[in-house]
Amino acid sequence: MDLVFEAQQVHRQHFRPNEVQVSTLLSIKTGACPEDCKYCPQSARYDTGLEKERLMEVEKVLEAAERAKSIGSTRFCMGAAWRNPKDRDMPYIIKMIQGVRDLGLETCMTLGMLSPPQAKALKEAGLDYYNHNLDTSAEYYDQIITTRTFADRLNTLDNVRQAGMKVCSGGIVGMGEEAADRTGLLMELANLEQPPESVPINMLVKVAGTPMSNVEDLDPFEFIRCIAVARILMPQSHVRLSAGREEMNEQMQALCFMAGANSIFYGEKLLTTSNPDAERDQKLFERLGITPEARQDYSDEVHTAVAEEAIQASRQPASKPLFYDAS
């Protein structure tokens, strides 16, 4: 309780205490990833029943971004199940970034490892954030992933920084790691030359068919401790409740906000796993006295009104996405 109290004090020194930044995440290319991340249903190495999809058509991505804006999101995140993007993919990726920015949304992408020229191209296209998680501590890393190294991940983060983009980087807890590994992950992030502006803390979502499907559940209070420590170590970063929130009751989420979490994903899906729908989140915000964080070019009142008036749009079934062959 002392830890949560301290984290809340730190939080109030750097952020409005009852505002939460809202993002939406879309999988723009699903499945068939060559990596062997043991938690991931998108790996081609595991049979999880996931339907593989090619890179989405640019117009369909922009339609999804418009829906995200209509339910109150201020940042639109796009994720592709790649080891790294190919040069042939970059023109389509750039069009997506430019189109989402034209809608007035912040842009974020996670595409795997980036070379310096690719990072520069994304920056020139106007990408605001690049997500590349460290996942876990350096010591536990090879128990989770063998197809890329911890140093590879740090190298991509460095390429993103050198290109002038903001960094979104965090990890996953509940993968059978020790408390020291959770500490090591947060220390690694906090001791980067510049800490990430956005730090997603994911609770493992156990998917049948992956090697992590039967890992013992993490004590919810251990997860809350991770949020609090992340807030204290990275006081100016947005700390995001990411994957696993579907399994968290309202009381656990409230304690996470009290511990300094101030960012969530809106929407019913995070890449391939479920997430609370926007209406449910809106009701929780109302009960807790939380308002969505507005972008600087919009007032709080306008942003909140848009979110509340358009929440019904999230109930409408989306049209079936169309795809093009990027192979």
Protein backbone atom coordinates (compact mmCIF):
# COMPACT_ATOMS: atom_id res chain seq x y z
CA MET A 1 0.00 0.00 0.00
CA ASP A 2 2.93 2.32 0.68
CA LEU A 3 4.25 1.57 -2.81
CA VAL A 4 0.93 2.45 -4.44
CA PHE A 5 0.69 5.61 -2.36
CA GLU A 6 4.17 6.71 -3.43
CA ALA A 7 3.43 5.90 -7.07
CA GLN A 8 0.26 8.02 -6.97
CA GLN A 9 2.22 10.94 -5.50
CA VAL A 10 4.81 10.67 -8.29
CA HIS A 11 2.02 10.42 -10.86
CA ARG A 12 0.38 13.64 -9.65
CA GLN A 13 3.65 15.53 -10.00
CA HIS A 14 3.74 14.89 -13.75
CA PHE A 15 0.19 14.21 -14.96
CA ARG A 16 -3.37 15.24 -14.31
CA PRO A 17 -4.40 12.58 -11.79
CA ASN A 18 -7.71 11.54 -13.32
CA GLU A 19 -6.91 11.50 -17.03
CA VAL A 20 -6.12 8.40 -19.08
CA GLN A 21 -4.71 8.41 -22.60
CA VAL A 22 -6.75 6.23 -24.97
CA SER A 23 -5.35 4.32 -27.95
CA THR A 24 -6.70 1.75 -30.40
CA LEU A 25 -4.63 -1.12 -31.77
CA LEU A 26 -5.25 -2.77 -35.14
CA SER A 27 -3.53 -5.83 -36.58
CA ILE A 28 -2.69 -4.79 -40.15
CA LYS A 29 -1.02 -8.12 -40.96
CA THR A 30 -1.88 -11.22 -38.93
CA GLY A 31 -0.12 -14.54 -38.38
CA ALA A 32 2.68 -16.46 -40.14
CA CYS A 33 5.42 -14.72 -38.15
CA PRO A 34 8.75 -16.62 -38.34
CA GLU A 35 9.75 -15.73 -34.75
CA ASP A 36 9.41 -18.25 -31.91
CA CYS A 37 8.11 -15.98 -29.11
CA LYS A 38 6.58 -18.56 -26.78
CA TYR A 39 3.63 -16.36 -25.79
CA CYS A 40 2.53 -15.39 -29.30
CA PRO A 41 -0.35 -17.01 -31.21
CA GLN A 42 0.90 -15.32 -34.40
CA SER A 43 4.05 -17.43 -34.58
CA ALA A 44 4.07 -19.80 -37.55
CA ARG A 45 5.70 -22.37 -35.27
CA TYR A 46 2.56 -22.95 -33.17
CA ASP A 47 -0.87 -24.30 -34.08
CA THR A 48 -3.29 -21.90 -32.40
CA GLY A 49 -6.06 -21.95 -34.98
CA LEU A 50 -5.31 -18.36 -35.95
CA GLU A 51 -6.40 -17.45 -39.46
CA LYS A 52 -3.52 -15.89 -41.37
CA GLU A 53 -4.17 -12.61 -43.14
CA ARG A 54 -2.12 -10.57 -45.57
CA LEU A 55 -1.30 -6.91 -45.18
CA MET A 56 -4.51 -4.94 -45.00
CA GLU A 57 -5.58 -2.61 -47.75
CA VAL A 58 -4.72 1.00 -46.92
CA GLU A 59 -8.33 2.16 -47.24
CA LYS A 60 -9.53 -0.44 -44.75
CA VAL A 61 -6.90 0.64 -42.23
CA LEU A 62 -8.09 4.23 -42.54
CA GLU A 63 -11.71 3.15 -42.06
CA ALA A 64 -10.68 1.43 -38.82
CA ALA A 65 -8.84 4.58 -37.75
CA GLU A 66 -11.96 6.65 -38.33
CA ARG A 67 -13.96 4.25 -36.13
CA ALA A 68 -11.28 4.50 -33.44
CA LYS A 69 -11.47 8.29 -33.50
CA SER A 70 -15.26 8.15 -33.27
CA ILE A 71 -15.10 6.28 -29.93
CA GLY A 72 -12.59 8.66 -28.39
CA SER A 73 -9.15 7.28 -29.21
CA THR A 74 -6.41 9.85 -29.74
CA ARG A 75 -3.71 7.45 -30.90
CA PHE A 76 -4.02 4.74 -33.55
CA CYS A 77 -1.54 1.87 -33.33
CA MET A 78 -0.90 -0.53 -36.21
CA GLY A 79 0.82 -3.89 -35.75
CA ALA A 80 2.18 -6.35 -38.30
CA ALA A 81 3.35 -9.88 -37.53
CA TRP A 82 6.75 -9.53 -39.15
CA ARG A 83 10.32 -10.19 -38.09
CA ASN A 84 11.03 -6.93 -39.91
CA PRO A 85 9.31 -5.03 -42.72
CA LYS A 86 10.46 -5.63 -46.29
CA ASP A 87 11.25 -2.75 -48.60
CA ARG A 88 8.28 -3.71 -50.78
CA ASP A 89 5.95 -3.12 -47.84
CA MET A 90 7.18 0.38 -47.00
CA PRO A 91 5.12 2.38 -49.57
CA TYR A 92 1.89 0.93 -48.15
CA ILE A 93 3.02 1.50 -44.56
CA ILE A 94 3.85 5.12 -45.37
CA LYS A 95 0.40 5.68 -46.91
CA MET A 96 -1.21 4.29 -43.74
CA ILE A 97 0.79 6.64 -41.53
CA GLN A 98 -0.01 9.68 -43.64
CA GLY A 99 -3.70 8.80 -43.82
CA VAL A 100 -4.06 8.30 -40.07
CA ARG A 101 -2.27 11.59 -39.38
CA ASP A 102 -4.64 13.35 -41.76
CA LEU A 103 -7.50 12.17 -39.51
CA GLY A 104 -5.93 14.09 -36.60
CA LEU A 105 -4.79 10.99 -34.71
CA GLU A 106 -1.37 10.26 -33.28
CA THR A 107 0.29 7.36 -35.09
CA CYS A 108 2.10 4.33 -33.71
CA MET A 109 3.39 1.20 -35.43
CA THR A 110 4.96 -2.10 -34.41
CA LEU A 111 6.52 -3.92 -37.35
CA GLY A 112 9.40 -5.84 -35.79
CA MET A 113 13.05 -4.92 -36.13
CA LEU A 114 13.95 -1.76 -38.04
CA SER A 115 17.08 -0.78 -39.92
CA PRO A 116 18.24 2.87 -39.71
CA PRO A 117 16.94 3.67 -43.24
CA GLN A 118 13.54 2.16 -42.42
CA ALA A 119 13.32 4.13 -39.18
CA LYS A 120 14.21 7.30 -41.07
CA ALA A 121 11.52 6.60 -43.69
CA LEU A 122 8.86 6.10 -41.01
CA LYS A 123 9.87 9.34 -39.31
CA GLU A 124 9.73 11.25 -42.60
CA ALA A 125 6.24 9.83 -43.19
CA GLY A 126 5.18 11.38 -39.88
CA LEU A 127 5.11 8.37 -37.54
CA ASP A 128 4.86 9.63 -33.95
CA TYR A 129 5.61 6.45 -31.95
CA TYR A 130 7.27 3.14 -32.68
CA ASN A 131 6.48 0.18 -30.43
CA HIS A 132 9.13 -2.47 -29.81
CA ASN A 133 8.83 -4.26 -26.47
CA LEU A 134 11.77 -5.72 -24.58
CA ASP A 135 9.31 -8.34 -23.28
CA THR A 136 11.26 -9.40 -20.17
CA SER A 137 14.62 -9.09 -18.45
CA ALA A 138 17.87 -9.73 -20.30
CA GLU A 139 18.47 -12.72 -18.00
CA TYR A 140 15.14 -14.43 -18.72
CA TYR A 141 14.89 -13.42 -22.36
CA ASP A 142 16.32 -16.59 -23.94
CA GLN A 143 13.70 -18.65 -22.09
CA ILE A 144 11.03 -16.85 -24.13
CA ILE A 145 12.61 -16.07 -27.51
CA THR A 146 15.56 -17.52 -29.42
CA THR A 147 15.09 -16.12 -32.95
CA ARG A 148 16.25 -12.61 -32.07
CA THR A 149 18.43 -11.40 -29.23
CA PHE A 150 17.83 -8.90 -26.47
CA ALA A 151 20.55 -6.77 -28.10
CA ASP A 152 18.57 -6.83 -31.37
CA ARG A 153 15.65 -5.25 -29.56
CA LEU A 154 17.80 -2.55 -27.98
CA ASN A 155 19.34 -1.86 -31.39
CA THR A 156 15.90 -1.25 -32.93
CA LEU A 157 15.01 1.13 -30.09
CA ASP A 158 18.24 2.99 -30.76
CA ASN A 159 17.43 3.23 -34.48
CA VAL A 160 14.01 4.65 -33.61
CA ARG A 161 15.54 7.26 -31.29
CA GLN A 162 18.21 8.22 -33.80
CA ALA A 163 15.48 8.80 -36.39
CA GLY A 164 13.72 11.20 -34.00
CA MET A 165 10.61 9.19 -33.18
CA LYS A 166 9.06 8.61 -29.77
CA VAL A 167 9.47 5.17 -28.24
CA CYS A 168 6.76 2.85 -26.97
CA SER A 169 8.39 -0.08 -25.17
CA GLY A 170 7.41 -2.31 -22.28
CA GLY A 171 7.01 -5.99 -21.62
CA ILE A 172 4.91 -8.96 -20.60
CA VAL A 173 4.60 -10.28 -17.07
CA GLY A 174 3.21 -13.60 -15.92
CA MET A 175 5.40 -15.72 -18.23
CA GLY A 176 6.86 -17.76 -15.39
CA GLU A 177 9.55 -15.21 -14.62
CA GLU A 178 10.79 -14.32 -11.14
CA ALA A 179 10.14 -10.99 -9.43
CA ALA A 180 13.77 -10.10 -10.17
CA ASP A 181 13.02 -10.42 -13.90
CA ARG A 182 10.12 -8.01 -13.66
CA THR A 183 12.42 -5.63 -11.81
CA GLY A 184 15.13 -6.15 -14.42
CA LEU A 185 12.75 -5.33 -17.27
CA LEU A 186 11.66 -2.06 -15.68
CA MET A 187 15.21 -1.09 -14.78
CA GLU A 188 16.35 -1.73 -18.35
CA LEU A 189 13.61 0.54 -19.70
CA ALA A 190 14.21 3.26 -17.12
CA ASN A 191 17.96 3.26 -17.79
CA LEU A 192 17.76 3.72 -21.53
CA GLU A 193 19.45 6.96 -22.59
CA GLN A 194 15.91 8.37 -22.73
CA PRO A 195 13.09 6.33 -21.15
CA PRO A 196 10.18 5.40 -23.43
CA GLU A 197 7.41 7.97 -23.66
CA SER A 198 4.93 5.09 -23.51
CA VAL A 199 5.42 1.93 -21.42
CA PRO A 200 2.89 -0.87 -22.05
CA ILE A 201 2.72 -3.43 -19.24
CA ASN A 202 1.06 -6.58 -20.55
CA MET A 203 -0.36 -9.44 -18.52
CA LEU A 204 0.25 -12.70 -20.37
CA VAL A 205 -2.81 -13.83 -22.31
CA LYS A 206 -2.51 -17.62 -22.39
CA VAL A 207 -3.42 -19.00 -25.81
CA ALA A 208 -3.92 -22.71 -26.44
CA GLY A 209 -1.24 -24.06 -28.74
CA THR A 210 1.53 -21.79 -27.49
CA PRO A 211 4.22 -23.03 -25.07
CA MET A 212 2.93 -20.54 -22.48
CA SER A 213 -0.65 -21.84 -22.44
CA ASN A 214 -0.31 -23.56 -19.06
CA VAL A 215 1.90 -21.12 -17.17
CA GLU A 216 0.78 -20.45 -13.60
CA ASP A 217 -1.25 -17.26 -13.20
CA LEU A 218 0.54 -14.23 -11.80
CA ASP A 219 -0.81 -12.87 -8.52
CA PRO A 220 -2.82 -9.73 -9.44
CA PHE A 221 -1.06 -7.74 -6.72
CA GLU A 222 2.29 -8.55 -8.36
CA PHE A 223 0.96 -6.99 -11.55
CA ILE A 224 -0.14 -3.88 -9.66
CA ARG A 225 3.34 -3.67 -8.10
CA CYS A 226 4.80 -3.65 -11.63
CA ILE A 227 2.59 -0.71 -12.55
CA ALA A 228 3.60 1.21 -9.43
CA VAL A 229 7.31 0.58 -9.89
CA ALA A 230 7.10 1.56 -13.57
CA ARG A 231 5.45 4.83 -12.54
CA ILE A 232 8.13 5.62 -9.96
CA LEU A 233 11.04 4.69 -12.24
CA MET A 234 9.62 6.47 -15.30
CA PRO A 235 7.66 9.39 -13.85
CA GLN A 236 7.12 11.24 -17.13
CA SER A 237 6.12 8.22 -19.23
CA HIS A 238 2.60 7.08 -19.98
CA VAL A 239 2.21 3.67 -18.32
CA ARG A 240 -0.31 1.61 -20.26
CA LEU A 241 -2.55 -1.23 -19.18
CA SER A 242 -2.30 -3.41 -22.28
CA ALA A 243 -2.94 -7.09 -22.95
CA GLY A 244 -4.70 -9.07 -20.26
CA ARG A 245 -7.08 -6.31 -19.21
CA GLU A 246 -10.03 -8.46 -20.28
CA GLU A 247 -9.24 -10.75 -17.33
CA MET A 248 -8.92 -7.90 -14.81
CA ASN A 249 -11.94 -6.99 -12.72
CA GLU A 250 -12.86 -3.35 -12.18
CA GLN A 251 -11.29 -3.25 -8.73
CA MET A 252 -7.93 -4.44 -10.08
CA GLN A 253 -8.03 -1.88 -12.87
CA ALA A 254 -8.90 0.85 -10.38
CA LEU A 255 -5.84 -0.06 -8.27
CA CYS A 256 -3.71 0.04 -11.41
CA PHE A 257 -4.91 3.56 -12.13
CA MET A 258 -4.21 4.46 -8.52
CA ALA A 259 -0.70 3.03 -8.96
CA GLY A 260 -0.06 5.36 -11.86
CA ALA A 261 -1.36 3.67 -15.01
CA ASN A 262 -2.65 6.40 -17.32
CA SER A 263 -3.09 4.80 -20.72
CA ILE A 264 -5.26 1.99 -22.11
CA PHE A 265 -6.33 0.48 -25.40
CA TYR A 266 -9.95 1.01 -26.43
CA GLY A 267 -11.55 -1.63 -28.64
CA GLU A 268 -12.62 -5.25 -28.56
CA LYS A 269 -9.33 -6.75 -29.77
CA LEU A 270 -5.58 -6.28 -29.24
CA LEU A 271 -4.03 -7.74 -32.39
CA THR A 272 -5.48 -11.24 -31.91
CA THR A 273 -6.62 -11.33 -28.25
CA SER A 274 -9.75 -9.93 -26.66
CA ASN A 275 -10.00 -6.58 -24.90
CA PRO A 276 -12.86 -4.83 -23.03
CA ASP A 277 -15.12 -2.94 -25.41
CA ALA A 278 -15.17 0.85 -25.44
CA GLU A 279 -18.62 1.17 -23.84
CA ARG A 280 -17.54 -0.92 -20.86
CA ASP A 281 -14.43 1.25 -20.44
CA GLN A 282 -16.48 4.42 -20.71
CA LYS A 283 -18.76 3.25 -17.90
CA LEU A 284 -15.77 2.36 -15.71
CA PHE A 285 -14.25 5.79 -16.36
CA GLU A 286 -17.49 7.44 -15.31
CA ARG A 287 -17.64 5.45 -12.08
CA LEU A 288 -14.04 6.27 -11.21
CA GLY A 289 -14.23 9.94 -12.21
CA ILE A 290 -11.69 9.44 -15.01
CA THR A 291 -11.76 11.34 -18.29
CA PRO A 292 -9.94 10.50 -21.54
CA GLU A 293 -6.81 12.54 -22.06
CA ALA A 294 -7.28 15.02 -24.89
CA ARG A 295 -4.79 15.88 -27.58
CA GLN A 296 -3.32 19.37 -27.27
CA ASP A 297 -5.34 20.63 -30.23
CA TYR A 298 -8.67 19.72 -28.60
CA SER A 299 -10.22 20.84 -25.33
CA ASP A 300 -11.09 18.27 -22.68
CA GLU A 301 -14.78 19.10 -23.06
CA VAL A 302 -14.82 18.56 -26.81
CA HIS A 303 -12.86 15.32 -26.57
CA THR A 304 -15.07 13.87 -23.84
CA ALA A 305 -18.25 14.88 -25.65
CA VAL A 306 -17.11 13.18 -28.85
CA ALA A 307 -16.28 10.00 -26.96
CA GLU A 308 -19.63 9.91 -25.17
CA GLU A 309 -21.80 10.82 -28.18
CA ALA A 310 -20.10 8.41 -30.56
CA ILE A 311 -19.77 5.42 -28.24
CA GLN A 312 -22.65 3.69 -30.00
CA ALA A 313 -20.57 3.56 -33.17
CA SER A 314 -18.38 0.92 -31.54
CA ARG A 315 -21.34 -1.46 -31.47
CA GLN A 316 -21.72 -1.52 -35.23
CA PRO A 317 -20.20 -4.56 -36.91
CA ALA A 318 -17.23 -3.72 -39.06
CA SER A 319 -17.30 -4.69 -42.73
CA LYS A 320 -15.09 -7.59 -43.69
CA PRO A 321 -11.59 -6.22 -44.37
CA LEU A 322 -10.10 -6.53 -47.81
CA PHE A 323 -6.47 -7.41 -48.29
CA TYR A 324 -3.89 -7.28 -51.02
CA ASP A 325 -1.09 -9.72 -51.69
CA ALA A 326 2.13 -8.16 -50.44
CA SER A 327 4.20 -11.30 -51.01
